[in-house]
Protein backbone atom coordinates (compact mmCIF):
# COMPACT_ATOMS: atom_id res chain seq x y z
CA UNK A 1 -3.46 -9.17 -6.37
CA UNK A 2 -1.29 -11.67 -8.57
CA UNK A 3 -1.59 -10.41 -12.24
CA UNK A 4 -1.24 -14.07 -12.80
CA UNK A 5 2.66 -14.33 -12.81
CA UNK A 6 4.01 -17.06 -14.51
CA UNK A 7 7.11 -18.84 -13.50
CA UNK A 8 10.02 -16.46 -13.97
CA UNK A 9 13.14 -18.30 -15.53
CA UNK A 10 15.41 -15.60 -14.26
CA UNK A 11 14.41 -15.81 -10.31
CA UNK A 12 17.33 -16.08 -8.58
CA UNK A 13 18.07 -19.24 -6.53
CA UNK A 14 21.10 -20.50 -4.50
CA UNK A 15 24.09 -18.36 -3.98
CA UNK A 16 22.96 -15.73 -6.47
CA UNK A 17 20.40 -14.54 -3.66
CA UNK A 18 23.64 -13.35 -1.84
CA UNK A 19 24.08 -10.72 -4.58
CA UNK A 20 22.99 -7.28 -3.87
CA UNK A 21 21.94 -5.02 -6.64
CA UNK A 22 22.15 -1.14 -5.87
CA UNK A 23 19.71 -0.61 -8.72
CA UNK A 24 16.84 -2.60 -10.12
CA UNK A 25 15.14 -1.76 -13.29
CA UNK A 26 11.62 -2.99 -13.29
CA UNK A 27 10.39 -4.96 -16.27
CA UNK A 28 7.35 -3.25 -17.94
CA UNK A 29 4.56 -5.54 -18.74
CA UNK A 30 1.36 -4.37 -20.84
CA UNK A 31 -1.74 -6.17 -19.74
CA UNK A 32 -4.05 -5.03 -22.33
CA UNK A 33 -3.47 -1.42 -22.12
CA UNK A 34 -2.54 -1.56 -18.42
CA UNK A 35 1.02 -1.42 -17.56
CA UNK A 36 2.61 -3.18 -14.67
CA UNK A 37 6.20 -2.55 -13.75
CA UNK A 38 7.93 -5.39 -11.78
CA UNK A 39 10.94 -4.83 -9.57
CA UNK A 40 10.82 -7.98 -7.49
CA UNK A 41 11.92 -10.73 -7.99
CA UNK A 42 14.91 -9.47 -10.00
CA UNK A 43 17.45 -11.39 -11.92
CA UNK A 44 20.12 -10.76 -9.11
CA UNK A 45 17.91 -10.22 -6.26
CA UNK A 46 15.09 -12.14 -5.15
CA UNK A 47 13.79 -10.28 -2.00
CA UNK A 48 14.35 -7.07 -0.08
CA UNK A 49 13.80 -8.44 3.53
CA UNK A 50 10.86 -10.61 3.16
CA UNK A 51 9.42 -8.49 0.34
CA UNK A 52 9.41 -11.17 -2.52
CA UNK A 53 7.22 -9.47 -5.14
CA UNK A 54 6.83 -6.03 -6.01
CA UNK A 55 4.76 -4.24 -9.00
CA UNK A 56 3.86 -0.85 -9.81
CA UNK A 57 0.16 -0.69 -11.12
CA UNK A 58 -0.56 2.07 -13.56
CA UNK A 59 -1.12 4.66 -13.61
CA UNK A 60 -3.99 4.49 -15.88
CA UNK A 61 -7.69 5.73 -16.22
CA UNK A 62 -10.38 3.06 -16.43
CA UNK A 63 -13.51 3.71 -18.34
CA UNK A 64 -16.88 2.69 -16.61
CA UNK A 65 -17.39 -0.95 -16.64
CA UNK A 66 -13.63 -1.51 -17.50
CA UNK A 67 -10.56 -2.19 -15.52
CA UNK A 68 -9.59 -4.95 -13.48
CA UNK A 69 -10.96 -8.36 -13.76
CA UNK A 70 -8.63 -10.72 -11.91
CA UNK A 71 -10.83 -14.08 -11.51
CA UNK A 72 -10.45 -15.85 -8.24
CA UNK A 73 -6.91 -17.53 -7.86
CA UNK A 74 -5.06 -19.33 -5.23
CA UNK A 75 -2.06 -18.24 -3.13
CA UNK A 76 0.05 -20.24 -0.33
CA UNK A 77 3.34 -19.26 1.53
CA UNK A 78 2.94 -15.36 1.62
CA UNK A 79 0.91 -12.31 2.61
CA UNK A 80 -0.19 -9.56 0.06
CA UNK A 81 -0.78 -5.94 0.34
CA UNK A 82 -2.34 -3.69 -2.29
CA UNK A 83 -1.58 -0.10 -1.59
CA UNK A 84 -3.36 2.42 -3.83
CA UNK A 85 -2.62 6.25 -4.61
CA UNK A 86 -5.48 6.61 -6.58
CA UNK A 87 -8.67 4.44 -7.69
CA UNK A 88 -10.38 1.44 -5.79
CA UNK A 89 -10.76 -2.32 -6.41
CA UNK A 90 -13.08 -4.92 -5.13
CA UNK A 91 -11.42 -7.82 -2.89
CA UNK A 92 -13.16 -10.99 -2.35
CA UNK A 93 -11.64 -14.22 -0.72
CA UNK A 94 -12.51 -17.63 0.67
CA UNK A 95 -12.72 -16.34 3.92
CA UNK A 96 -15.80 -14.67 3.32
CA UNK A 97 -14.01 -11.11 3.09
CA UNK A 98 -15.97 -8.78 0.67
CA UNK A 99 -14.11 -5.26 0.94
CA UNK A 100 -13.02 -2.29 -1.16
CA UNK A 101 -9.20 -1.56 -1.17
CA UNK A 102 -9.00 2.28 -1.16
CA UNK A 103 -6.06 4.78 -1.39
CA UNK A 104 -4.01 4.85 1.84
CA UNK A 105 -5.70 1.91 3.46
CA UNK A 106 -4.09 -1.41 4.44
CA UNK A 107 -5.43 -4.60 3.35
CA UNK A 108 -3.19 -7.64 4.79
CA UNK A 109 -3.85 -11.16 3.30
CA UNK A 110 -2.17 -13.93 4.73
CA UNK A 111 -2.36 -17.05 2.66
CA UNK A 112 -0.63 -19.63 4.79
CA UNK A 113 -1.75 -22.75 3.86
CA UNK A 114 -3.96 -21.73 1.19
CA UNK A 115 -6.30 -19.13 0.24
CA UNK A 116 -8.38 -17.97 -2.79
CA UNK A 117 -9.19 -14.35 -3.82
CA UNK A 118 -10.34 -12.34 -6.74
CA UNK A 119 -9.86 -8.39 -7.44
CA UNK A 120 -12.12 -6.16 -9.57
CA UNK A 121 -13.09 -2.88 -10.49
CA UNK A 122 -16.72 -4.00 -10.91
CA UNK A 123 -18.50 -0.91 -9.26
CA UNK A 124 -21.86 -0.74 -11.24
CA UNK A 125 -22.29 3.00 -9.69
CA UNK A 126 -19.17 4.00 -11.38
CA UNK A 127 -20.04 6.21 -14.36
CA UNK A 128 -17.23 8.51 -14.60
CA UNK A 129 -13.63 7.44 -15.76
CA UNK A 130 -11.57 6.43 -12.71
CA UNK A 131 -7.75 6.88 -12.36
CA UNK A 132 -6.07 3.93 -10.99
CA UNK A 133 -2.64 3.83 -9.58
CA UNK A 134 -0.81 1.92 -6.69
CA UNK A 135 1.71 -0.90 -5.60
CA UNK A 136 1.08 -4.66 -4.98
CA UNK A 137 3.61 -6.40 -3.14
CA UNK A 138 4.06 -10.07 -1.67
CA UNK A 139 5.88 -10.67 1.55
CA UNK A 140 7.22 -14.17 1.75
CA UNK A 141 6.18 -16.04 5.11
CA UNK A 142 9.23 -17.51 7.64
CA UNK A 143 8.99 -21.28 7.41
CA UNK A 144 7.10 -21.67 10.73
CA UNK A 145 4.08 -19.60 9.19
CA UNK A 146 3.87 -21.20 5.89
CA UNK A 147 1.13 -23.91 7.11
CA UNK A 148 -0.78 -21.22 9.38
CA UNK A 149 -4.32 -20.60 8.71
CA UNK A 150 -4.99 -17.84 6.43
CA UNK A 151 -6.29 -14.49 7.46
CA UNK A 152 -7.25 -10.92 6.36
CA UNK A 153 -6.89 -7.75 8.43
CA UNK A 154 -7.74 -4.25 7.48
CA UNK A 155 -6.38 -0.99 8.85
CA UNK A 156 -7.86 2.27 7.57
CA UNK A 157 -6.02 5.13 6.60
CA UNK A 158 -6.43 7.08 9.81
CA UNK A 159 -5.02 4.20 11.84
CA UNK A 160 -1.48 4.52 10.42
CA UNK A 161 1.34 6.09 12.06
CA UNK A 162 1.79 9.49 9.97
CA UNK A 163 5.09 11.57 10.32
CA UNK A 164 5.18 15.16 9.14
CA UNK A 165 7.73 18.02 8.98
CA UNK A 166 10.58 19.47 7.48
CA UNK A 167 9.12 19.10 3.96
CA UNK A 168 8.23 15.28 4.39
CA UNK A 169 5.46 13.50 5.02
CA UNK A 170 5.60 9.45 5.82
CA UNK A 171 2.72 7.10 6.36
CA UNK A 172 4.17 3.81 7.91
CA UNK A 173 2.14 0.85 6.18
CA UNK A 174 3.83 -2.09 7.87
CA UNK A 175 6.23 -3.13 10.51
CA UNK A 176 8.23 -0.43 12.54
CA UNK A 177 10.56 2.44 11.51
CA UNK A 178 11.55 5.90 12.98
CA UNK A 179 10.13 5.11 16.70
CA UNK A 180 6.66 4.00 15.05
CA UNK A 181 4.90 0.88 14.63
CA UNK A 182 1.96 -0.08 12.30
CA UNK A 183 -0.88 -1.66 13.61
CA UNK A 184 -1.05 -4.66 11.12
CA UNK A 185 0.64 -7.78 12.88
CA UNK A 186 3.25 -9.47 10.59
CA UNK A 187 4.95 -12.75 11.01
CA UNK A 188 8.60 -11.20 10.84
CA UNK A 189 10.23 -7.89 11.61
CA UNK A 190 9.91 -5.37 8.65
CA UNK A 191 9.10 -2.01 7.41
CA UNK A 192 7.05 -0.38 4.46
CA UNK A 193 6.45 2.98 4.40
CA UNK A 194 4.92 5.72 1.76
CA UNK A 195 7.11 8.79 1.71
CA UNK A 196 6.44 12.18 -0.28
CA UNK A 197 9.27 14.57 -0.03
CA UNK A 198 9.10 18.45 -1.17
CA UNK A 199 11.74 19.64 -3.52
CA UNK A 200 15.42 19.55 -1.60
CA UNK A 201 13.69 17.87 1.56
CA UNK A 202 15.76 14.70 2.67
CA UNK A 203 14.68 11.73 4.67
CA UNK A 204 16.86 9.12 6.45
CA UNK A 205 16.65 5.12 6.00
CA UNK A 206 15.45 3.14 9.01
CA UNK A 207 18.84 1.87 10.66
CA UNK A 208 17.06 -0.82 12.69
CA UNK A 209 16.67 -3.42 9.92
CA UNK A 210 18.66 -5.76 8.04
CA UNK A 211 17.73 -5.37 4.67
CA UNK A 212 16.55 -2.01 3.29
CA UNK A 213 15.38 -0.81 -0.29
CA UNK A 214 13.57 2.33 -1.87
CA UNK A 215 11.31 2.50 -5.05
CA UNK A 216 11.16 5.97 -6.63
CA UNK A 217 7.38 6.16 -7.66
CA UNK A 218 7.31 9.83 -8.77
CA UNK A 219 9.93 12.53 -9.12
CA UNK A 220 13.73 11.69 -8.32
CA UNK A 221 16.05 11.59 -5.52
CA UNK A 222 19.72 12.01 -5.05
CA UNK A 223 21.80 9.11 -2.74
CA UNK A 224 25.51 9.65 -2.35
CA UNK A 225 25.57 12.15 -5.04
CA UNK A 226 23.88 9.82 -7.59
CA UNK A 227 20.34 10.40 -9.16
CA UNK A 228 17.60 8.08 -9.54
CA UNK A 229 14.53 8.94 -11.35
CA UNK A 230 11.01 7.45 -11.13
CA UNK A 231 10.68 3.72 -11.78
CA UNK A 232 13.87 2.54 -10.13
CA UNK A 233 14.40 0.56 -7.12
CA UNK A 234 17.75 0.71 -5.03
CA UNK A 235 18.60 -1.79 -2.47
CA UNK A 236 21.59 -1.16 0.16
CA UNK A 237 24.06 -2.94 2.30
CA UNK A 238 22.79 -3.46 6.23
CA UNK A 239 24.08 -0.93 8.55
CA UNK A 240 25.17 1.68 6.23
CA UNK A 241 23.71 5.17 7.39
CA UNK A 242 21.96 6.74 4.15
CA UNK A 243 19.63 9.72 3.71
CA UNK A 244 17.79 10.56 0.55
CA UNK A 245 17.14 14.19 -0.86
CA UNK A 246 14.34 14.90 -3.31
CA UNK A 247 14.99 16.24 -6.84
CA UNK A 248 13.57 19.88 -8.02
CA UNK A 249 10.07 18.32 -8.35
CA UNK A 250 9.91 16.52 -5.08
CA UNK A 251 9.65 12.92 -4.86
CA UNK A 252 7.42 9.89 -3.72
CA UNK A 253 8.85 6.68 -3.00
CA UNK A 254 8.07 3.31 -1.08
CA UNK A 255 10.60 2.42 1.32
CA UNK A 256 10.78 -1.09 2.23
CA UNK A 257 12.75 -3.93 3.95
CA UNK A 258 13.46 -5.86 7.00
CA UNK A 259 14.73 -9.21 8.46
CA UNK A 260 15.89 -11.81 5.58
CA UNK A 261 14.21 -15.11 5.80
CA UNK A 262 16.13 -18.56 6.57
CA UNK A 263 16.66 -18.82 2.85
CA UNK A 264 15.46 -18.43 -0.78
CA UNK A 265 12.11 -19.22 -1.86
CA UNK A 266 10.39 -21.20 -4.87
CA UNK A 267 8.01 -19.31 -6.78
CA UNK A 268 5.70 -20.91 -9.24
CA UNK A 269 2.51 -18.73 -10.19
CA UNK A 270 0.81 -17.52 -7.45
CA UNK A 271 2.64 -19.72 -4.92
CA UNK A 272 5.72 -19.26 -2.62
CA UNK A 273 7.21 -21.74 -0.68
CA UNK A 274 10.50 -22.81 1.01
CA UNK A 275 10.42 -26.24 -0.91
CA UNK A 276 9.38 -27.55 -4.43
CA UNK A 277 7.20 -30.11 -2.83
CA UNK A 278 4.95 -27.69 -1.01
CA UNK A 279 4.76 -26.00 -4.61
CA UNK A 280 3.80 -29.24 -6.06
CA UNK A 281 1.35 -30.11 -3.48
CA UNK A 282 -0.70 -26.75 -4.08
CA UNK A 283 -0.41 -27.44 -7.82
CA UNK A 284 -2.22 -30.64 -7.14
CA UNK A 285 -4.92 -29.41 -5.01
CA UNK A 286 -5.86 -26.46 -7.40
CA UNK A 287 -6.12 -28.80 -10.32
CA UNK A 288 -8.31 -31.01 -8.41
CA UNK A 289 -11.07 -28.26 -8.03
CA UNK A 290 -12.34 -29.79 -4.91
CA UNK A 291 -13.93 -26.40 -3.70
CA UNK A 292 -16.16 -28.34 -1.23
CA UNK A 293 -13.70 -30.24 0.82
CA UNK A 294 -10.22 -29.58 -0.85
CA UNK A 295 -7.22 -27.32 0.22
CA UNK A 296 -8.80 -24.39 -1.63
CA UNK A 297 -12.19 -23.07 -1.83
CA UNK A 298 -13.80 -20.10 -3.93
CA UNK A 299 -14.48 -16.66 -2.58
CA UNK A 300 -17.99 -16.18 -1.48
CA UNK A 301 -19.94 -13.93 -3.86
CA UNK A 302 -17.51 -14.67 -6.67
CA UNK A 303 -17.42 -18.45 -7.37
CA UNK A 304 -18.65 -18.77 -11.00
CA UNK A 305 -15.26 -18.88 -12.42
CA UNK A 306 -11.70 -18.92 -11.50
CA UNK A 307 -8.17 -18.77 -13.29
CA UNK A 308 -7.05 -22.57 -14.49
CA UNK A 309 -3.92 -23.63 -13.50
CA UNK A 310 -1.12 -22.83 -15.93
CA UNK A 311 0.57 -25.41 -18.43
CA UNK A 312 3.79 -24.64 -16.77
């Protein structure tokens, strides 16, 4: 889900991408009573491995018939995953996918050359207030996958590797870590995991990946004698052996990282690309609005409206 992000003037380019932030404090944005905290891209850190966009959505509570209403919009050059802790949302895309995203499951949408999708909480049977909380992430594609055909893959929660013991439980969402591999096929090496720790429990970072980061969702963790509260992302140098210990109330974290890409990416609105030319081509295709024969089509079953191309 894109939340219609505009071009970020602080997005790092060139040599700035090589700078490593040990601590990222997300920027909070209020989307009409619904708060989103954006950790990536950050002023001094564009990506962690291939992860180029990282939003905490909520927590919030939606009233019946109220909530997410993200109209159809396009993507190129990336793959998306919306991972929910609570609530659900309705995904439709131009491949014909019509699915509900629910807690713990993986819905992996690869944009490649171009895809259009919408996300809404439009369940007419929802009569009670609905809690909503999750993380939405974009993964930049390697250059040799930027023009690939779009795709969508679903993996139910029971299909994901689940490790448990010594006061911790970890669900591997994408990639490989701790000797396990998630079922969804990715274009580059990565890992993405949901970890819950009881008070005082510890977990090591995977040591088989080039780039690694941790986002604290709830509670707090201690790393090398420093304590980090919820709403913080830490990024670590390659090769360091690190372990994290949960604070007195425990912790929930998202662990992420993987192989770095060939270079930085350009980001404009919902588009990610290795060149500005690719961005301009996608802009023109969306502006043209040729849904029948053009680069982008509107989602089946949700084609009555769309988000126009921004002015900048």
